[in-house]
């Protein structure tokens, strides 16, 4: 279950990113996952999160607030491994653990896992609708060489969140890293490594999510 814990931890790491954007966490350059990243060959995990501009929205009259837009968030986590084999093994193990958990746990009953259809990568799609929060979460996880990406989209309904996560994941899958070395900046302008494959602020895909922040989730040896 260790691999399953890692994926759930990464999904929950979206919360760290949201808090970091609101200046409620320590410096975003500080790894926040620590010993939870006990995965063979894992070297780094970096995150980029895109959010609405809450300050501008809250400045508008309450009658004009778009509650659906306020919950819309996209998070991209890029994991780098020391080899293609370890990256592929992580994805395969993760899929197996999730399938086993769904079979044995009623708590996983509302989570759907599907093969990727529109993206030519080895990976899968996870979707769930949280009725108590009235919002949907869709996540795509895929492997590409020694990198594994998990893209998470939160929106008002499953159709919207799945469309959003698929569009962003397609962008990431088609992009390439220009450099292996990451130059980190928590204001969402990091470059190199997995960051070269993520949309930048103002990109058409995330144009309605102008608040962008980067976070170091894990670095081996930290």
C-alpha atoms as a PDB file:
ATOM      1  CA  UNK A   1       0.000   0.000   0.000  1.00  0.00           C
ATOM      2  CA  UNK A   2       3.048   2.274   0.113  1.00  0.00           C
ATOM      3  CA  UNK A   3       2.652   3.252  -3.549  1.00  0.00           C
ATOM      4  CA  UNK A   4      -1.039   3.988  -3.053  1.00  0.00           C
ATOM      5  CA  UNK A   5      -0.126   6.171  -0.090  1.00  0.00           C
ATOM      6  CA  UNK A   6       2.245   8.110  -2.311  1.00  0.00           C
ATOM      7  CA  UNK A   7      -0.388   8.843  -4.926  1.00  0.00           C
ATOM      8  CA  UNK A   8      -2.946   9.882  -2.346  1.00  0.00           C
ATOM      9  CA  UNK A   9      -0.274  12.012  -0.700  1.00  0.00           C
ATOM     10  CA  UNK A  10       0.478  13.680  -4.006  1.00  0.00           C
ATOM     11  CA  UNK A  11      -3.206  14.325  -4.575  1.00  0.00           C
ATOM     12  CA  UNK A  12      -3.419  15.855  -1.129  1.00  0.00           C
ATOM     13  CA  UNK A  13      -0.307  17.898  -1.895  1.00  0.00           C
ATOM     14  CA  UNK A  14      -2.612  20.080  -3.928  1.00  0.00           C
ATOM     15  CA  UNK A  15      -3.731  21.382  -0.555  1.00  0.00           C
ATOM     16  CA  UNK A  16      -0.164  22.344   0.325  1.00  0.00           C
ATOM     17  CA  UNK A  17       0.086  24.265  -2.930  1.00  0.00           C
ATOM     18  CA  UNK A  18      -3.182  26.081  -2.295  1.00  0.00           C
ATOM     19  CA  UNK A  19      -2.088  27.010   1.205  1.00  0.00           C
ATOM     20  CA  UNK A  20       1.287  28.106  -0.074  1.00  0.00           C
ATOM     21  CA  UNK A  21      -0.389  30.415  -2.566  1.00  0.00           C
ATOM     22  CA  UNK A  22      -2.243  31.980   0.337  1.00  0.00           C
ATOM     23  CA  UNK A  23       1.042  32.404   2.253  1.00  0.00           C
ATOM     24  CA  UNK A  24      -0.050  29.979   4.960  1.00  0.00           C
ATOM     25  CA  UNK A  25       2.847  27.537   4.605  1.00  0.00           C
ATOM     26  CA  UNK A  26       6.621  27.831   4.856  1.00  0.00           C
ATOM     27  CA  UNK A  27       8.762  28.909   1.921  1.00  0.00           C
ATOM     28  CA  UNK A  28       7.541  27.039  -1.157  1.00  0.00           C
ATOM     29  CA  UNK A  29      11.111  26.082  -1.985  1.00  0.00           C
ATOM     30  CA  UNK A  30      11.185  23.810   1.081  1.00  0.00           C
ATOM     31  CA  UNK A  31      10.363  20.136   0.348  1.00  0.00           C
ATOM     32  CA  UNK A  32       7.126  19.283   2.140  1.00  0.00           C
ATOM     33  CA  UNK A  33       6.845  15.510   1.647  1.00  0.00           C
ATOM     34  CA  UNK A  34      10.034  14.299   3.302  1.00  0.00           C
ATOM     35  CA  UNK A  35      10.157  10.648   4.281  1.00  0.00           C
ATOM     36  CA  UNK A  36       6.768   9.869   2.704  1.00  0.00           C
ATOM     37  CA  UNK A  37       8.557   9.628  -0.668  1.00  0.00           C
ATOM     38  CA  UNK A  38       9.956   6.134  -0.076  1.00  0.00           C
ATOM     39  CA  UNK A  39       9.884   5.077  -3.730  1.00  0.00           C
ATOM     40  CA  UNK A  40      12.710   3.306  -5.561  1.00  0.00           C
ATOM     41  CA  UNK A  41      14.705   5.613  -7.810  1.00  0.00           C
ATOM     42  CA  UNK A  42      12.647   8.739  -7.117  1.00  0.00           C
ATOM     43  CA  UNK A  43      14.846  11.833  -7.362  1.00  0.00           C
ATOM     44  CA  UNK A  44      12.542  14.869  -7.369  1.00  0.00           C
ATOM     45  CA  UNK A  45       8.889  15.894  -7.273  1.00  0.00           C
ATOM     46  CA  UNK A  46       7.944  19.421  -8.322  1.00  0.00           C
ATOM     47  CA  UNK A  47       4.498  21.015  -8.459  1.00  0.00           C
ATOM     48  CA  UNK A  48       2.911  23.897 -10.341  1.00  0.00           C
ATOM     49  CA  UNK A  49      -0.575  25.010  -9.297  1.00  0.00           C
ATOM     50  CA  UNK A  50      -2.935  27.325 -11.180  1.00  0.00           C
ATOM     51  CA  UNK A  51      -5.759  29.125  -9.359  1.00  0.00           C
ATOM     52  CA  UNK A  52      -8.264  31.904  -9.828  1.00  0.00           C
ATOM     53  CA  UNK A  53      -7.404  35.386  -8.626  1.00  0.00           C
ATOM     54  CA  UNK A  54      -9.300  35.277  -5.333  1.00  0.00           C
ATOM     55  CA  UNK A  55      -8.371  38.827  -4.376  1.00  0.00           C
ATOM     56  CA  UNK A  56      -9.938  40.237  -7.536  1.00  0.00           C
ATOM     57  CA  UNK A  57     -12.997  38.010  -7.278  1.00  0.00           C
ATOM     58  CA  UNK A  58     -13.605  38.890  -3.641  1.00  0.00           C
ATOM     59  CA  UNK A  59     -13.350  42.571  -4.479  1.00  0.00           C
ATOM     60  CA  UNK A  60     -16.433  42.230  -6.694  1.00  0.00           C
ATOM     61  CA  UNK A  61     -19.969  42.408  -5.289  1.00  0.00           C
ATOM     62  CA  UNK A  62     -21.024  39.079  -3.793  1.00  0.00           C
ATOM     63  CA  UNK A  63     -23.848  38.758  -6.302  1.00  0.00           C
ATOM     64  CA  UNK A  64     -21.270  38.595  -9.097  1.00  0.00           C
ATOM     65  CA  UNK A  65     -19.172  35.833  -7.548  1.00  0.00           C
ATOM     66  CA  UNK A  66     -18.910  32.738  -9.733  1.00  0.00           C
ATOM     67  CA  UNK A  67     -18.849  29.881  -7.238  1.00  0.00           C
ATOM     68  CA  UNK A  68     -18.009  27.341  -9.947  1.00  0.00           C
ATOM     69  CA  UNK A  69     -15.034  29.380 -11.094  1.00  0.00           C
ATOM     70  CA  UNK A  70     -13.809  29.841  -7.527  1.00  0.00           C
ATOM     71  CA  UNK A  71     -13.326  26.100  -7.031  1.00  0.00           C
ATOM     72  CA  UNK A  72     -11.473  25.600 -10.334  1.00  0.00           C
ATOM     73  CA  UNK A  73      -7.861  24.559  -9.754  1.00  0.00           C
ATOM     74  CA  UNK A  74      -5.202  22.737 -11.763  1.00  0.00           C
ATOM     75  CA  UNK A  75      -2.107  21.156 -10.254  1.00  0.00           C
ATOM     76  CA  UNK A  76       0.729  19.448 -12.126  1.00  0.00           C
ATOM     77  CA  UNK A  77       3.210  17.266 -10.286  1.00  0.00           C
ATOM     78  CA  UNK A  78       6.279  16.147 -12.199  1.00  0.00           C
ATOM     79  CA  UNK A  79       8.278  13.232 -10.776  1.00  0.00           C
ATOM     80  CA  UNK A  80      11.770  12.406 -12.032  1.00  0.00           C
ATOM     81  CA  UNK A  81      13.316   8.965 -11.519  1.00  0.00           C
ATOM     82  CA  UNK A  82      16.861   7.713 -11.946  1.00  0.00           C
ATOM     83  CA  UNK A  83      15.815   5.449 -14.832  1.00  0.00           C
ATOM     84  CA  UNK A  84      13.011   4.784 -17.307  1.00  0.00           C
ATOM     85  CA  UNK A  85      12.502   1.353 -15.739  1.00  0.00           C
ATOM     86  CA  UNK A  86      11.897   2.732 -12.244  1.00  0.00           C
ATOM     87  CA  UNK A  87       9.468   5.325 -13.611  1.00  0.00           C
ATOM     88  CA  UNK A  88       7.523   2.630 -15.466  1.00  0.00           C
ATOM     89  CA  UNK A  89       7.609   0.335 -12.447  1.00  0.00           C
ATOM     90  CA  UNK A  90       6.199   3.098 -10.248  1.00  0.00           C
ATOM     91  CA  UNK A  91       3.274   3.635 -12.624  1.00  0.00           C
ATOM     92  CA  UNK A  92       2.547  -0.087 -12.935  1.00  0.00           C
ATOM     93  CA  UNK A  93       2.716  -0.631  -9.179  1.00  0.00           C
ATOM     94  CA  UNK A  94       0.498   2.366  -8.568  1.00  0.00           C
ATOM     95  CA  UNK A  95      -2.169   1.128 -10.973  1.00  0.00           C
ATOM     96  CA  UNK A  96      -2.108  -2.323  -9.344  1.00  0.00           C
ATOM     97  CA  UNK A  97      -2.411  -0.865  -5.845  1.00  0.00           C
ATOM     98  CA  UNK A  98      -5.333   1.352  -6.835  1.00  0.00           C
ATOM     99  CA  UNK A  99      -7.143  -1.561  -8.505  1.00  0.00           C
ATOM    100  CA  UNK A 100      -6.624  -3.708  -5.404  1.00  0.00           C
ATOM    101  CA  UNK A 101      -7.818  -0.927  -3.117  1.00  0.00           C
ATOM    102  CA  UNK A 102     -10.985  -0.450  -5.184  1.00  0.00           C
ATOM    103  CA  UNK A 103     -11.781  -4.146  -4.888  1.00  0.00           C
ATOM    104  CA  UNK A 104     -11.275  -4.255  -1.133  1.00  0.00           C
ATOM    105  CA  UNK A 105     -12.485  -0.880   0.103  1.00  0.00           C
ATOM    106  CA  UNK A 106     -15.978   0.613  -0.034  1.00  0.00           C
ATOM    107  CA  UNK A 107     -14.398   4.040   0.410  1.00  0.00           C
ATOM    108  CA  UNK A 108     -12.930   3.735  -3.100  1.00  0.00           C
ATOM    109  CA  UNK A 109     -16.274   2.821  -4.687  1.00  0.00           C
ATOM    110  CA  UNK A 110     -16.932   6.328  -6.033  1.00  0.00           C
ATOM    111  CA  UNK A 111     -13.506   6.565  -7.658  1.00  0.00           C
ATOM    112  CA  UNK A 112     -13.374   5.519 -11.307  1.00  0.00           C
ATOM    113  CA  UNK A 113     -10.145   4.448 -13.013  1.00  0.00           C
ATOM    114  CA  UNK A 114      -9.939   4.370 -16.810  1.00  0.00           C
ATOM    115  CA  UNK A 115      -7.261   3.855 -19.439  1.00  0.00           C
ATOM    116  CA  UNK A 116      -6.076   6.917 -21.346  1.00  0.00           C
ATOM    117  CA  UNK A 117      -7.849   7.348 -24.686  1.00  0.00           C
ATOM    118  CA  UNK A 118      -6.765  10.705 -26.084  1.00  0.00           C
ATOM    119  CA  UNK A 119      -3.134  10.784 -24.918  1.00  0.00           C
ATOM    120  CA  UNK A 120      -0.519   8.500 -26.453  1.00  0.00           C
ATOM    121  CA  UNK A 121       1.236   7.671 -23.184  1.00  0.00           C
ATOM    122  CA  UNK A 122       1.169   4.784 -20.754  1.00  0.00           C
ATOM    123  CA  UNK A 123      -1.079   5.941 -17.927  1.00  0.00           C
ATOM    124  CA  UNK A 124      -4.608   6.210 -16.590  1.00  0.00           C
ATOM    125  CA  UNK A 125      -7.397   8.600 -15.596  1.00  0.00           C
ATOM    126  CA  UNK A 126      -8.922   8.815 -12.114  1.00  0.00           C
ATOM    127  CA  UNK A 127     -12.220  10.631 -11.531  1.00  0.00           C
ATOM    128  CA  UNK A 128     -14.495  11.199  -8.560  1.00  0.00           C
ATOM    129  CA  UNK A 129     -17.329  13.547  -7.626  1.00  0.00           C
ATOM    130  CA  UNK A 130     -17.450  14.709  -4.016  1.00  0.00           C
ATOM    131  CA  UNK A 131     -21.103  15.362  -3.283  1.00  0.00           C
ATOM    132  CA  UNK A 132     -20.476  16.817   0.153  1.00  0.00           C
ATOM    133  CA  UNK A 133     -18.247  19.486  -1.414  1.00  0.00           C
ATOM    134  CA  UNK A 134     -20.240  19.691  -4.665  1.00  0.00           C
ATOM    135  CA  UNK A 135     -17.108  19.467  -6.804  1.00  0.00           C
ATOM    136  CA  UNK A 136     -15.349  16.990  -9.077  1.00  0.00           C
ATOM    137  CA  UNK A 137     -11.717  15.907  -9.228  1.00  0.00           C
ATOM    138  CA  UNK A 138     -10.055  14.342 -12.250  1.00  0.00           C
ATOM    139  CA  UNK A 139      -6.436  13.201 -12.381  1.00  0.00           C
ATOM    140  CA  UNK A 140      -4.300  11.843 -15.192  1.00  0.00           C
ATOM    141  CA  UNK A 141      -1.094   9.984 -14.374  1.00  0.00           C
ATOM    142  CA  UNK A 142       1.289   8.957 -17.154  1.00  0.00           C
ATOM    143  CA  UNK A 143       4.914   7.972 -17.656  1.00  0.00           C
ATOM    144  CA  UNK A 144       7.260   9.396 -20.285  1.00  0.00           C
ATOM    145  CA  UNK A 145      10.830   8.121 -20.126  1.00  0.00           C
ATOM    146  CA  UNK A 146      12.157   8.671 -16.607  1.00  0.00           C
ATOM    147  CA  UNK A 147       9.426  11.193 -15.774  1.00  0.00           C
ATOM    148  CA  UNK A 148       5.966  10.566 -14.333  1.00  0.00           C
ATOM    149  CA  UNK A 149       3.370  13.328 -14.367  1.00  0.00           C
ATOM    150  CA  UNK A 150       0.185  13.632 -12.364  1.00  0.00           C
ATOM    151  CA  UNK A 151      -2.187  16.354 -13.488  1.00  0.00           C
ATOM    152  CA  UNK A 152      -5.129  17.120 -11.191  1.00  0.00           C
ATOM    153  CA  UNK A 153      -8.097  19.310 -12.087  1.00  0.00           C
ATOM    154  CA  UNK A 154     -10.862  20.393  -9.723  1.00  0.00           C
ATOM    155  CA  UNK A 155     -14.054  21.848 -11.154  1.00  0.00           C
ATOM    156  CA  UNK A 156     -17.789  22.009 -10.565  1.00  0.00           C
ATOM    157  CA  UNK A 157     -18.642  18.803 -12.462  1.00  0.00           C
ATOM    158  CA  UNK A 158     -16.928  15.718 -13.837  1.00  0.00           C
ATOM    159  CA  UNK A 159     -17.321  16.716 -17.472  1.00  0.00           C
ATOM    160  CA  UNK A 160     -15.567  20.030 -16.865  1.00  0.00           C
ATOM    161  CA  UNK A 161     -12.800  18.628 -14.660  1.00  0.00           C
ATOM    162  CA  UNK A 162     -12.109  15.750 -17.052  1.00  0.00           C
ATOM    163  CA  UNK A 163     -11.984  18.033 -20.075  1.00  0.00           C
ATOM    164  CA  UNK A 164      -9.666  20.411 -18.253  1.00  0.00           C
ATOM    165  CA  UNK A 165      -7.307  17.701 -17.007  1.00  0.00           C
ATOM    166  CA  UNK A 166      -7.186  16.090 -20.464  1.00  0.00           C
ATOM    167  CA  UNK A 167      -6.327  19.385 -22.185  1.00  0.00           C
ATOM    168  CA  UNK A 168      -3.539  20.166 -19.731  1.00  0.00           C
ATOM    169  CA  UNK A 169      -2.203  16.602 -19.753  1.00  0.00           C
ATOM    170  CA  UNK A 170      -2.099  16.676 -23.561  1.00  0.00           C
ATOM    171  CA  UNK A 171      -0.001  19.847 -23.406  1.00  0.00           C
ATOM    172  CA  UNK A 172       2.418  18.245 -20.938  1.00  0.00           C
ATOM    173  CA  UNK A 173       2.630  15.010 -22.947  1.00  0.00           C
ATOM    174  CA  UNK A 174       3.471  16.892 -26.152  1.00  0.00           C
ATOM    175  CA  UNK A 175       6.076  19.180 -24.551  1.00  0.00           C
ATOM    176  CA  UNK A 176       9.751  18.379 -23.977  1.00  0.00           C
ATOM    177  CA  UNK A 177      12.276  19.360 -21.327  1.00  0.00           C
ATOM    178  CA  UNK A 178      14.886  21.787 -22.577  1.00  0.00           C
ATOM    179  CA  UNK A 179      17.247  21.185 -19.665  1.00  0.00           C
ATOM    180  CA  UNK A 180      17.661  18.554 -16.946  1.00  0.00           C
ATOM    181  CA  UNK A 181      18.511  21.163 -14.313  1.00  0.00           C
ATOM    182  CA  UNK A 182      15.648  22.998 -12.609  1.00  0.00           C
ATOM    183  CA  UNK A 183      15.915  26.698 -11.868  1.00  0.00           C
ATOM    184  CA  UNK A 184      13.276  27.073  -9.161  1.00  0.00           C
ATOM    185  CA  UNK A 185      11.141  30.134  -8.475  1.00  0.00           C
ATOM    186  CA  UNK A 186       8.030  29.905  -6.309  1.00  0.00           C
ATOM    187  CA  UNK A 187       6.238  32.603  -8.332  1.00  0.00           C
ATOM    188  CA  UNK A 188       5.425  30.082 -11.058  1.00  0.00           C
ATOM    189  CA  UNK A 189       8.305  30.934 -13.411  1.00  0.00           C
ATOM    190  CA  UNK A 190      10.557  27.919 -12.701  1.00  0.00           C
ATOM    191  CA  UNK A 191      12.344  26.458 -15.728  1.00  0.00           C
ATOM    192  CA  UNK A 192      14.196  23.297 -16.637  1.00  0.00           C
ATOM    193  CA  UNK A 193      13.333  19.643 -16.059  1.00  0.00           C
ATOM    194  CA  UNK A 194       9.639  18.919 -15.628  1.00  0.00           C
ATOM    195  CA  UNK A 195       8.843  22.641 -15.445  1.00  0.00           C
ATOM    196  CA  UNK A 196       9.700  23.062 -19.134  1.00  0.00           C
ATOM    197  CA  UNK A 197       6.700  20.845 -19.884  1.00  0.00           C
ATOM    198  CA  UNK A 198       4.152  22.846 -17.891  1.00  0.00           C
ATOM    199  CA  UNK A 199       2.045  25.760 -19.203  1.00  0.00           C
ATOM    200  CA  UNK A 200       3.233  29.170 -18.058  1.00  0.00           C
ATOM    201  CA  UNK A 201       1.032  31.887 -16.597  1.00  0.00           C
ATOM    202  CA  UNK A 202      -1.141  33.416 -19.288  1.00  0.00           C
ATOM    203  CA  UNK A 203      -1.130  30.339 -21.516  1.00  0.00           C
ATOM    204  CA  UNK A 204      -4.499  29.870 -23.197  1.00  0.00           C
ATOM    205  CA  UNK A 205      -5.096  26.587 -21.344  1.00  0.00           C
ATOM    206  CA  UNK A 206      -4.943  28.285 -17.950  1.00  0.00           C
ATOM    207  CA  UNK A 207      -5.879  31.833 -18.898  1.00  0.00           C
ATOM    208  CA  UNK A 208      -8.762  31.860 -16.401  1.00  0.00           C
ATOM    209  CA  UNK A 209      -6.402  30.663 -13.639  1.00  0.00           C
ATOM    210  CA  UNK A 210      -3.940  33.560 -13.433  1.00  0.00           C
ATOM    211  CA  UNK A 211      -2.477  32.833  -9.985  1.00  0.00           C
ATOM    212  CA  UNK A 212       0.437  30.442 -10.521  1.00  0.00           C
ATOM    213  CA  UNK A 213       2.820  29.059  -7.902  1.00  0.00           C
ATOM    214  CA  UNK A 214       5.599  26.462  -7.901  1.00  0.00           C
ATOM    215  CA  UNK A 215       6.486  24.143  -5.032  1.00  0.00           C
ATOM    216  CA  UNK A 216       9.287  21.716  -4.271  1.00  0.00           C
ATOM    217  CA  UNK A 217       7.541  18.607  -2.930  1.00  0.00           C
ATOM    218  CA  UNK A 218      10.568  16.325  -2.749  1.00  0.00           C
ATOM    219  CA  UNK A 219      14.264  16.276  -3.530  1.00  0.00           C
ATOM    220  CA  UNK A 220      16.351  13.184  -2.817  1.00  0.00           C
ATOM    221  CA  UNK A 221      18.715  13.739   0.066  1.00  0.00           C
ATOM    222  CA  UNK A 222      16.699  16.634   1.486  1.00  0.00           C
END
